[in-house]
Protein backbone atom coordinates (compact mmCIF):
# COMPACT_ATOMS: atom_id res chain seq x y z
CA MET A 1 0.00 0.00 0.00
CA ARG A 2 1.33 3.43 -0.94
CA LEU A 3 2.34 5.82 1.80
CA GLN A 4 -0.21 8.45 0.76
CA THR A 5 -3.10 5.94 0.91
CA LYS A 6 -1.89 4.46 4.18
CA LEU A 7 -1.53 7.88 5.77
CA THR A 8 -5.01 8.95 4.59
CA LEU A 9 -6.65 5.81 6.00
CA LEU A 10 -4.80 6.16 9.28
CA ILE A 11 -5.92 9.77 9.75
CA LEU A 12 -9.52 8.90 8.81
CA SER A 13 -9.59 5.93 11.21
CA LEU A 14 -8.37 8.11 14.03
CA LEU A 15 -10.84 10.86 13.15
CA LEU A 16 -13.76 8.41 12.89
CA SER A 17 -12.95 6.96 16.31
CA ILE A 18 -12.87 10.43 17.81
CA ILE A 19 -16.20 11.34 16.16
CA ILE A 20 -17.90 8.18 17.48
CA VAL A 21 -16.68 8.74 21.02
CA PHE A 22 -17.52 12.42 20.85
CA GLY A 23 -21.03 11.74 19.46
CA TYR A 24 -21.84 9.11 22.08
CA TYR A 25 -20.59 11.29 24.91
CA SER A 26 -22.40 14.38 23.57
CA GLN A 27 -25.67 12.47 23.22
CA SER A 28 -25.42 11.10 26.75
CA LEU A 29 -24.57 14.52 28.12
CA ILE A 30 -27.45 16.23 26.28
CA THR A 31 -29.97 13.54 27.40
CA LYS A 32 -28.91 13.85 31.01
CA SER A 33 -28.84 17.64 30.89
CA LEU A 34 -32.25 17.86 29.16
CA THR A 35 -33.86 15.50 31.69
CA ASN A 36 -32.47 17.49 34.61
CA GLN A 37 -33.57 20.81 33.11
CA LEU A 38 -37.13 19.63 32.37
CA GLY A 39 -37.38 18.01 35.79
CA ASN A 40 -36.39 21.26 37.49
CA ARG A 41 -38.76 23.10 35.19
CA VAL A 42 -41.86 21.00 35.99
CA LEU A 43 -41.03 21.20 39.69
CA SER A 44 -40.70 24.96 39.45
CA ILE A 45 -44.07 25.26 37.64
CA ALA A 46 -45.73 23.05 40.25
CA GLU A 47 -44.30 25.20 43.05
CA THR A 48 -45.58 28.32 41.31
CA VAL A 49 -49.08 26.86 40.97
CA ALA A 50 -49.10 25.72 44.60
CA SER A 51 -48.22 29.21 45.77
CA ILE A 52 -51.09 31.00 43.93
CA PRO A 53 -53.50 32.39 46.60
CA GLU A 54 -56.59 31.89 44.44
CA ILE A 55 -55.91 28.18 44.22
CA ARG A 56 -55.40 27.88 47.98
CA GLN A 57 -58.62 29.78 48.67
CA ALA A 58 -60.56 27.65 46.18
CA PHE A 59 -60.06 24.57 48.37
CA SER A 60 -62.50 26.10 50.94
CA THR A 61 -65.26 26.66 48.37
CA LYS A 62 -68.04 24.28 47.42
CA ASP A 63 -66.76 23.92 43.83
CA PRO A 64 -62.90 24.27 43.83
CA SER A 65 -62.70 23.09 40.23
CA HIS A 66 -64.61 26.14 39.03
CA THR A 67 -61.74 28.39 40.16
CA ILE A 68 -58.74 26.10 39.78
CA GLN A 69 -59.40 24.67 36.27
CA PRO A 70 -59.10 27.98 34.36
CA ILE A 71 -55.95 28.97 36.21
CA ALA A 72 -54.31 25.57 35.72
CA GLU A 73 -55.13 25.48 31.99
CA LYS A 74 -53.82 28.96 31.46
CA ILE A 75 -50.50 28.06 33.10
CA ARG A 76 -50.32 24.79 31.14
CA LYS A 77 -50.70 26.56 27.82
CA GLN A 78 -48.21 29.28 28.75
CA THR A 79 -45.53 26.82 29.88
CA GLY A 80 -46.11 24.16 27.21
CA ALA A 81 -46.64 21.45 29.80
CA GLN A 82 -48.64 18.35 28.95
CA PHE A 83 -50.76 18.69 32.05
CA VAL A 84 -51.24 20.77 35.20
CA VAL A 85 -53.36 18.78 37.64
CA VAL A 86 -54.47 20.01 41.07
CA GLY A 87 -56.01 17.58 43.56
CA ASN A 88 -56.99 17.42 47.22
CA THR A 89 -55.61 15.16 49.94
CA GLU A 90 -57.85 12.39 48.68
CA LYS A 91 -56.13 12.75 45.23
CA GLU A 92 -59.45 13.93 43.72
CA ARG A 93 -58.72 16.09 40.64
CA TYR A 94 -59.81 19.75 40.57
CA SER A 95 -58.16 20.39 37.17
CA HIS A 96 -57.15 18.36 34.14
CA PRO A 97 -56.42 19.01 30.44
CA VAL A 98 -59.34 16.68 29.67
CA PRO A 99 -62.30 18.28 31.52
CA ASP A 100 -64.19 14.98 31.66
CA ARG A 101 -61.50 13.57 33.94
CA ILE A 102 -62.03 16.27 36.58
CA GLY A 103 -63.25 14.64 39.77
CA GLY A 104 -61.38 11.45 39.10
CA ILE A 105 -58.54 10.08 41.17
CA MET A 106 -54.94 11.14 40.32
CA VAL A 107 -52.87 8.20 39.05
CA GLY A 108 -49.35 7.43 40.30
CA LYS A 109 -47.57 6.29 43.43
CA ASP A 110 -45.50 9.48 43.51
CA ASN A 111 -48.62 11.42 44.56
CA ASP A 112 -48.44 9.77 47.98
CA LYS A 113 -44.93 11.11 48.55
CA ALA A 114 -46.13 14.65 47.81
CA LEU A 115 -48.98 14.24 50.34
CA GLN A 116 -46.23 13.47 52.87
CA GLY A 117 -44.73 16.92 52.25
CA LYS A 118 -42.01 15.90 49.75
CA PHE A 119 -41.14 17.56 46.45
CA VAL A 120 -41.06 14.85 43.80
CA ILE A 121 -39.50 14.60 40.30
CA SER A 122 -40.26 11.29 38.64
CA GLN A 123 -41.04 9.47 35.43
CA GLU A 124 -44.43 7.85 35.86
CA LYS A 125 -47.30 6.63 33.74
CA GLY A 126 -50.46 8.64 34.47
CA SER A 127 -53.83 9.12 32.89
CA MET A 128 -52.15 10.80 29.85
CA GLY A 129 -49.45 8.22 29.41
CA PRO A 130 -45.75 8.15 30.46
CA SER A 131 -44.46 11.55 31.50
CA LEU A 132 -41.76 13.40 33.39
CA ARG A 133 -43.51 15.19 36.18
CA GLY A 134 -43.01 17.25 39.26
CA ILE A 135 -45.39 17.07 42.23
CA VAL A 136 -45.47 19.42 45.23
CA PRO A 137 -47.84 19.78 48.21
CA ILE A 138 -50.22 22.75 48.69
CA TYR A 139 -50.28 24.32 52.14
CA ASN A 140 -52.95 26.54 53.77
CA LYS A 141 -52.27 29.44 56.12
CA ASN A 142 -51.78 27.02 59.01
CA LYS A 143 -49.06 25.19 57.09
CA GLU A 144 -51.28 22.16 56.67
CA ILE A 145 -51.30 20.11 53.45
CA ILE A 146 -54.62 20.63 51.72
CA GLY A 147 -53.73 19.20 48.32
CA ILE A 148 -51.07 18.57 45.65
CA VAL A 149 -50.08 19.96 42.24
CA ALA A 150 -48.71 17.72 39.47
CA VAL A 151 -47.09 19.22 36.34
CA GLY A 152 -45.74 17.01 33.61
CA PHE A 153 -44.18 16.78 30.14
CA SER A 154 -44.86 13.82 27.91
CA LEU A 155 -41.88 11.46 27.53
CA GLU A 156 -42.74 11.24 23.88
CA SER A 157 -42.23 14.98 23.42
CA ILE A 158 -38.99 14.78 25.40
CA GLU A 159 -37.83 11.98 23.12
CA THR A 160 -38.65 14.18 20.13
CA ILE A 161 -36.43 16.92 21.53
CA LYS A 162 -33.64 14.39 22.09
CA MET A 163 -34.01 13.15 18.53
CA ASN A 164 -33.61 16.71 17.21
CA TYR A 165 -30.36 17.10 19.13
CA ARG A 166 -29.21 13.66 17.99
CA ASN A 167 -29.85 14.60 14.36
CA LYS A 168 -27.83 17.78 14.81
CA ILE A 169 -24.94 15.80 16.31
CA ILE A 170 -25.05 13.32 13.41
CA PHE A 171 -25.11 16.17 10.89
CA ILE A 172 -22.16 17.89 12.56
CA SER A 173 -20.27 14.58 12.76
CA PHE A 174 -20.72 13.95 9.04
CA GLY A 175 -19.59 17.49 8.36
CA ILE A 176 -16.47 16.96 10.47
CA LEU A 177 -15.84 13.63 8.75
CA PHE A 178 -16.11 15.25 5.33
CA VAL A 179 -13.70 18.02 6.30
CA GLY A 180 -11.44 15.35 7.85
CA ILE A 181 -11.36 13.41 4.59
CA LEU A 182 -10.28 16.51 2.69
CA GLY A 183 -7.74 17.38 5.40
CA ALA A 184 -6.34 13.85 5.45
CA MET A 185 -5.90 13.89 1.69
CA LEU A 186 -4.17 17.28 1.81
CA ILE A 187 -1.92 16.22 4.70
CA ALA A 188 -0.99 12.98 2.95
CA ARG A 189 -0.28 14.80 -0.30
CA SER A 190 1.77 17.46 1.51
CA MET A 191 3.73 14.78 3.34
CA LYS A 192 4.36 12.98 0.08
CA ARG A 193 5.61 16.19 -1.49
CA ALA A 194 7.81 16.93 1.55
CA ILE A 195 9.63 13.60 1.18
CA LEU A 196 10.03 14.12 -2.57
CA GLY A 197 7.51 11.44 -3.48
CA LEU A 198 9.56 8.65 -1.94
CA GLU A 199 8.04 5.59 -0.35
CA PRO A 200 9.21 4.38 3.10
CA LYS A 201 11.19 1.53 1.57
CA GLU A 202 12.92 3.93 -0.80
CA ILE A 203 13.68 6.31 2.08
CA THR A 204 15.20 3.43 4.07
CA GLN A 205 17.38 2.41 1.14
CA LEU A 206 18.44 6.00 0.51
CA TYR A 207 19.31 6.46 4.19
CA GLN A 208 21.37 3.27 4.21
CA LYS A 209 23.24 4.33 1.07
CA ASN A 210 23.93 7.81 2.42
CA LYS A 211 25.06 6.33 5.73
CA ALA A 212 27.45 3.98 3.94
CA ILE A 213 28.83 6.84 1.82
CA LEU A 214 29.17 9.06 4.89
CA GLU A 215 31.07 6.41 6.83
CA SER A 216 33.35 5.68 3.87
CA ILE A 217 34.66 9.26 3.91
CA LYS A 218 37.98 9.56 5.72
CA GLU A 219 37.16 13.12 6.75
CA GLY A 220 35.02 13.93 9.77
CA VAL A 221 31.56 15.26 8.85
CA VAL A 222 29.20 17.10 11.23
CA ALA A 223 25.91 18.78 10.26
CA VAL A 224 23.94 21.18 12.46
CA ASN A 225 20.78 23.23 12.14
CA LEU A 226 20.60 27.00 12.63
CA ASP A 227 20.40 26.57 16.42
CA GLY A 228 23.62 24.60 16.51
CA THR A 229 21.94 21.25 17.19
CA VAL A 230 23.82 18.30 15.69
CA THR A 231 21.66 16.56 13.07
CA MET A 232 24.23 14.28 11.43
CA VAL A 233 27.68 12.94 12.27
CA ASN A 234 29.88 10.13 10.98
CA GLN A 235 32.06 7.77 12.98
CA GLN A 236 35.23 9.41 11.71
CA ALA A 237 34.19 12.71 13.32
CA ILE A 238 33.31 10.95 16.58
CA HIS A 239 36.74 9.29 16.61
CA MET A 240 38.67 12.44 15.69
CA LEU A 241 36.90 14.66 18.22
CA HIS A 242 36.94 12.01 20.97
CA TRP A 243 33.17 11.98 21.42
CA SER A 244 31.50 9.04 23.16
CA ASN A 245 29.00 7.72 20.60
CA GLU A 246 26.52 8.80 17.94
CA LYS A 247 23.43 8.57 20.16
CA GLU A 248 24.76 11.10 22.67
CA VAL A 249 25.95 13.47 19.94
CA LEU A 250 22.81 13.60 17.78
CA GLY A 251 20.36 16.17 19.14
CA ALA A 252 22.96 17.85 21.35
CA ASN A 253 24.13 21.41 20.88
CA ILE A 254 27.56 21.65 19.26
CA LEU A 255 28.83 23.94 22.02
CA ASP A 256 27.80 21.47 24.73
CA ILE A 257 29.91 18.67 23.29
CA SER A 258 32.61 20.83 21.69
CA PRO A 259 32.82 24.21 23.49
CA TYR A 260 35.60 25.57 21.26
CA SER A 261 34.01 24.76 17.93
CA PRO A 262 33.97 27.77 15.56
CA LEU A 263 30.83 26.46 13.82
CA LEU A 264 28.40 28.91 15.47
CA GLU A 265 30.63 31.82 14.47
CA ILE A 266 30.50 30.59 10.87
CA ILE A 267 26.69 30.33 11.10
CA GLU A 268 26.43 33.95 12.25
CA LYS A 269 28.54 35.15 9.31
CA GLY A 270 26.41 33.14 6.87
CA GLU A 271 29.23 32.54 4.37
CA ALA A 272 30.98 29.38 3.25
CA VAL A 273 34.51 29.00 4.64
CA PHE A 274 37.26 26.78 3.27
CA ASP A 275 40.49 25.41 4.77
CA GLN A 276 40.14 27.10 8.13
CA GLU A 277 42.21 25.85 11.03
CA PHE A 278 40.65 25.19 14.43
CA PHE A 279 41.77 23.48 17.61
CA ILE A 280 39.81 20.95 19.66
CA ASN A 281 41.23 18.68 22.34
CA GLU A 282 44.67 20.15 21.73
CA GLU A 283 44.64 18.97 18.12
CA VAL A 284 44.78 20.99 14.93
CA PHE A 285 42.16 20.43 12.21
CA ILE A 286 41.58 21.86 8.74
CA ALA A 287 37.87 22.38 8.09
CA ASN A 288 35.44 23.45 5.37
CA TYR A 289 32.01 24.89 6.21
CA MET A 290 29.16 24.84 3.71
CA PRO A 291 25.52 26.01 4.18
CA ILE A 292 22.62 23.58 3.62
CA ARG A 293 19.85 25.24 1.62
CA ASP A 294 16.19 24.29 1.31
CA ALA A 295 14.09 24.28 -1.87
CA LYS A 296 13.59 28.06 -1.60
CA GLY A 297 17.29 28.72 -1.29
CA ASN A 298 17.17 29.66 2.39
CA ILE A 299 19.88 28.38 4.71
CA ALA A 300 18.47 25.50 6.78
CA GLY A 301 21.69 24.35 8.41
CA TRP A 302 25.44 23.90 8.02
CA VAL A 303 27.75 20.99 7.33
CA SER A 304 31.40 20.89 8.30
CA SER A 305 33.98 18.49 6.91
CA PHE A 306 37.39 18.43 8.53
CA ARG A 307 40.60 16.43 8.68
CA SER A 308 43.46 16.32 11.12
CA LYS A 309 46.37 18.49 10.21
CA SER A 310 48.73 15.75 11.33
CA GLU A 311 47.50 13.62 8.41
CA LEU A 312 48.52 16.37 6.03
CA TYR A 313 51.75 16.87 7.89
CA ARG A 314 53.42 13.82 6.34
CA ILE A 315 53.02 15.25 2.85
CA THR A 316 53.95 18.77 3.87
CA GLN A 317 56.93 17.39 5.81
CA GLU A 318 58.22 15.63 2.72
CA LEU A 319 57.75 18.77 0.66
CA SER A 320 59.41 20.80 3.40
CA GLN A 321 62.39 18.45 3.49
CA VAL A 322 62.74 18.68 -0.27
CA LYS A 323 62.56 22.46 -0.03
CA GLN A 324 65.11 22.57 2.79
CA TYR A 325 67.39 20.27 0.84
CA SER A 326 67.16 22.46 -2.26
CA GLU A 327 67.77 25.59 -0.20
CA ALA A 328 70.74 23.92 1.46
CA LEU A 329 72.17 22.96 -1.93
CA ARG A 330 71.63 26.49 -3.20
CA ALA A 331 73.28 27.97 -0.12
CA GLN A 332 76.19 25.56 -0.36
CA THR A 333 76.57 26.28 -4.06
CA HIS A 334 76.69 30.01 -3.42
CA GLU A 335 78.99 29.68 -0.43
CA TYR A 336 81.40 27.22 -2.01
CA SER A 337 81.52 29.11 -5.29
CA ASN A 338 82.88 32.12 -3.39
CA LYS A 339 85.41 29.92 -1.60
CA LEU A 340 86.45 28.30 -4.89
CA TYR A 341 87.03 31.74 -6.39
CA MET A 342 89.19 32.59 -3.39
CA ILE A 343 91.18 29.35 -3.72
CA SER A 344 91.52 29.97 -7.45
CA GLY A 345 92.88 33.45 -6.77
CA LEU A 346 95.39 32.19 -4.21
CA ILE A 347 96.65 29.58 -6.65
CA GLN A 348 96.96 32.15 -9.42
CA LEU A 349 99.00 34.28 -6.99
CA LYS A 350 101.09 31.17 -6.34
CA SER A 351 100.20 31.40 -2.63
CA TYR A 352 99.97 27.64 -2.44
CA GLN A 353 100.49 27.33 1.30
CA GLU A 354 97.74 29.85 2.06
CA ALA A 355 95.39 28.00 -0.24
CA ILE A 356 96.17 24.68 1.48
CA ASP A 357 95.69 26.21 4.93
CA PHE A 358 92.35 27.78 3.92
CA ILE A 359 91.10 24.47 2.49
CA ALA A 360 92.14 22.59 5.62
CA ARG A 361 90.59 25.17 7.94
CA GLU A 362 87.27 25.25 6.13
CA SER A 363 87.16 21.49 5.88
CA ASP A 364 87.84 21.10 9.59
CA ILE A 365 85.18 23.64 10.65
CA GLN A 366 82.49 22.12 8.49
CA GLN A 367 83.41 18.54 9.19
CA ASN A 368 83.69 19.07 12.92
CA LEU A 369 80.24 20.65 13.10
CA LEU A 370 78.70 17.87 11.00
CA ASN A 371 80.40 15.21 13.09
CA PHE A 372 79.14 16.85 16.28
CA ILE A 373 75.58 17.02 14.99
CA ARG A 374 75.66 13.38 13.83
CA GLN A 375 77.11 12.20 17.12
CA GLU A 376 75.05 14.18 19.64
CA ILE A 377 71.82 14.54 17.65
CA PRO A 378 71.59 11.22 15.80
CA ASP A 379 67.91 11.47 14.84
CA VAL A 380 67.88 11.76 11.04
CA MET A 381 64.94 14.17 10.76
CA ILE A 382 66.20 16.59 13.41
CA CYS A 383 69.77 16.32 12.12
CA GLY A 384 68.67 17.06 8.56
CA LEU A 385 66.63 20.03 9.76
CA LEU A 386 69.58 21.53 11.66
CA ILE A 387 71.95 21.12 8.73
CA GLY A 388 69.45 22.78 6.41
CA LYS A 389 68.94 25.70 8.83
CA LEU A 390 72.74 25.94 9.28
CA ASN A 391 73.28 26.33 5.55
CA GLN A 392 70.42 28.84 5.33
CA ALA A 393 72.02 30.87 8.14
CA ASN A 394 75.45 30.79 6.44
CA GLU A 395 73.89 32.19 3.26
CA LEU A 396 72.27 34.99 5.26
CA LYS A 397 75.57 35.74 7.05
CA ILE A 398 74.09 34.69 10.38
CA HIS A 399 76.32 33.11 13.00
CA PHE A 400 74.47 29.88 13.75
CA ASP A 401 75.90 27.93 16.66
CA ILE A 402 74.89 24.74 18.45
CA ASP A 403 76.08 24.55 22.05
CA ARG A 404 78.81 21.92 22.27
CA GLU A 405 77.34 20.75 25.58
CA SER A 406 74.19 19.68 23.76
CA CYS A 407 73.00 16.09 23.73
CA PHE A 408 69.76 14.91 22.17
CA LYS A 409 69.97 11.13 21.97
CA ALA A 410 67.48 9.75 24.49
CA ILE A 411 64.28 10.70 22.65
CA PRO A 412 61.45 8.29 23.53
CA ALA A 413 59.69 6.57 20.63
CA VAL A 414 56.30 7.81 21.89
CA ILE A 415 57.28 11.40 21.02
CA GLU A 416 56.62 12.02 17.32
CA ARG A 417 59.63 13.34 15.43
CA GLU A 418 57.29 15.46 13.32
CA SER A 419 56.24 17.32 16.47
CA LEU A 420 59.86 17.97 17.48
CA THR A 421 60.89 19.17 13.99
CA THR A 422 57.86 21.51 13.91
CA ILE A 423 58.85 23.00 17.28
CA ILE A 424 62.55 23.37 16.41
CA GLY A 425 61.92 24.62 12.87
CA ASN A 426 59.45 27.31 13.93
CA LEU A 427 61.67 28.57 16.75
CA ILE A 428 64.70 28.78 14.44
CA ASP A 429 62.65 30.53 11.74
CA ASN A 430 61.48 33.10 14.28
CA ALA A 431 65.07 33.60 15.44
CA ILE A 432 66.24 34.13 11.85
CA ASP A 433 63.46 36.67 11.27
CA ALA A 434 64.42 38.45 14.51
CA VAL A 435 68.14 38.88 13.66
CA MET A 436 67.36 39.92 10.07
CA LYS A 437 65.32 42.93 11.16
CA PRO A 438 66.74 46.36 10.30
CA GLY A 439 69.03 47.79 12.96
CA VAL A 440 70.35 44.42 14.20
CA HIS A 441 74.14 44.32 13.84
CA ALA A 442 75.15 41.15 15.68
CA LYS A 443 73.31 38.33 13.91
CA ASN A 444 73.76 35.44 16.29
CA ILE A 445 71.60 32.36 16.92
CA LYS A 446 72.49 29.75 19.48
CA ILE A 447 70.69 26.47 20.16
CA PHE A 448 71.01 24.17 23.11
CA PHE A 449 69.62 20.61 23.39
CA ALA A 450 69.49 18.43 26.51
CA ASP A 451 68.03 15.02 27.21
CA TYR A 452 69.20 14.54 30.78
CA GLY A 453 66.85 13.31 33.45
CA ASN A 454 63.15 12.92 32.73
CA ASP A 455 62.78 15.84 30.30
CA LEU A 456 63.82 16.97 26.84
CA ILE A 457 65.02 20.58 26.79
CA ILE A 458 65.29 22.82 23.73
CA GLU A 459 66.56 26.38 24.03
CA VAL A 460 66.80 28.84 21.12
CA GLU A 461 68.57 32.14 21.73
CA ASP A 462 68.88 35.04 19.30
CA SER A 463 70.41 38.53 19.31
CA GLY A 464 67.47 40.26 17.65
CA THR A 465 65.41 43.20 18.84
CA GLY A 466 63.49 41.13 21.39
CA ILE A 467 59.78 41.38 22.22
CA SER A 468 58.31 44.48 23.85
CA PRO A 469 56.73 43.95 27.31
CA GLU A 470 53.23 44.82 26.09
CA HIS A 471 53.41 42.05 23.49
CA GLN A 472 55.00 39.29 25.60
CA GLU A 473 51.63 37.98 26.89
CA LYS A 474 50.18 37.79 23.36
CA ILE A 475 52.95 36.04 21.43
CA PHE A 476 51.28 32.60 21.76
CA GLU A 477 47.84 33.81 20.65
CA LYS A 478 46.56 32.64 17.28
CA GLY A 479 46.92 35.34 14.64
CA PHE A 480 49.08 37.68 16.72
CA SER A 481 52.14 38.98 14.87
CA THR A 482 54.21 42.14 14.87
CA LYS A 483 54.58 41.71 11.11
CA ARG A 484 52.03 43.58 9.05
CA VAL A 485 51.66 40.67 6.66
CA LYS A 486 48.67 38.35 6.16
CA ASN A 487 48.73 34.70 7.27
CA HIS A 488 51.25 35.28 10.05
CA GLY A 489 50.85 34.74 13.79
CA ILE A 490 50.47 30.95 13.49
CA GLY A 491 53.99 29.60 14.24
CA LEU A 492 54.22 30.12 18.00
CA PHE A 493 50.55 29.25 18.39
CA LEU A 494 51.14 25.89 16.68
CA VAL A 495 54.29 25.31 18.73
CA GLN A 496 52.44 25.92 22.00
CA LYS A 497 49.57 23.59 21.03
CA ILE A 498 51.97 20.80 20.07
CA ILE A 499 53.93 21.23 23.30
CA GLN A 500 50.72 21.16 25.36
CA LYS A 501 49.72 17.97 23.58
CA LEU A 502 53.05 16.49 24.68
CA ASN A 503 52.31 17.65 28.28
CA GLY A 504 55.20 20.11 28.14
CA TYR A 505 55.47 23.87 28.28
CA ILE A 506 57.28 26.75 26.58
CA SER A 507 58.55 29.95 28.16
CA TYR A 508 59.96 33.23 26.90
CA SER A 509 62.58 35.42 28.55
CA PRO A 510 64.51 38.44 27.29
CA ASN A 511 68.15 37.85 26.38
CA PRO A 512 70.35 39.97 28.71
CA GLU A 513 72.60 40.76 25.74
CA GLY A 514 69.59 41.72 23.61
CA GLY A 515 67.12 39.50 21.81
CA SER A 516 64.98 36.58 22.96
CA ILE A 517 65.32 33.19 24.60
CA PHE A 518 62.67 30.52 24.11
CA THR A 519 62.88 27.44 26.35
CA VAL A 520 60.89 24.27 25.73
CA ILE A 521 60.61 21.44 28.25
CA ILE A 522 58.92 18.18 27.23
CA PRO A 523 58.59 15.23 29.63
CA LYS A 524 59.86 11.93 28.27
CA SER A 525 57.01 9.91 29.76
């Protein structure tokens, strides 16, 4: 059965059940209410008749019926009652709608209760058939019962009134049912249109396919509505962001489960954002943010896809190493070409001894430094980085020195070499930038490594201009830079985040001789 037909029948079944219950309850309520109202009405009319002075006085005359009959008939016609009967204590009638029955005995056991001083409402069969009637006693001046008054409405006429109300209820119910049919059809058609004409089985298949595609993506994917409530997430995102499980994430606000997510800021701006960095759980991610639009083109939500920057680091590290290697070759080519020209000139001047001494001196300096680096810093990645930075510094005429007391051998395997090279490379780059600023005469950079005890220590010292006191508290903030150039202010921020991830810390102190000293301490365990 098609969804539209099933939905229409379901709505109609529910509506029909409600109409039946409502009709039955309304009919019962109207019947009960009508009976109570008519009962109170006949009792009220009887009380009114019993309180008329002329009727009381007529009981002491020779022919009470002569006075009472006209009054009773007049009241009967005015009130629409079936009968207004007045009788004495012997239940002898003094009035009756059928004059021939005057003088007869009043029919009904309820008359006896009225003669006992009670006010009675009952359904009884009298001389005019079944009726709803009210009977009250008539008192004289001495408060003695001298007779009774019975006022009644035919049960047949009451049933006619009930039937009129019942017909109205049936008419209204059919009207509601007709409107319900139209409404059910419109709702079913609207629902069908809202789900793009798909049947439940097709929706299930589509959901399963989309779920499989979503989980096959290596990137984390999170979708939210305009309020920031998570509406979709894949397992990759749950794993990357260290969330518990999908059930606890779906329906939660993004800020409740990820307080530092920039997604709400993106929503407020209302523009797509690509390749933006953000930090969650001390980890760097690269994210894209795209709006989800409805059929009218209005933004209905946002979807974010992101990947860990560490996954991209392997590729960038390889490219960086290639770049460093090429720069080192270029620097060496430039440096050694100048030295070759010098050696060539000394030979042409026949200063052979000076040429030999120069070659030996340069060979010793370079070889000694390389031997020291290989011996005390045996890690290939860190060693290659230092040699590349050394050659870059030589090209820039910067005195680059590694403290001969350094030792960096006992690096635990749990500490990623990529993290260490990022820290060292950024600190050296900042030092090079500092000593290359205008006005700096002594261009010195000194590095110290230590692996003694339970910590790894890295210290980078430069002779640059230093950092002004008002900027010292901001140097680790994302985007802060004293350079008026775009896309700066990331290096120290990245370094601090990586160090925090390694449970270490970084500190800054001014160099007494001018410049800056950055000290990094990373626990081995």
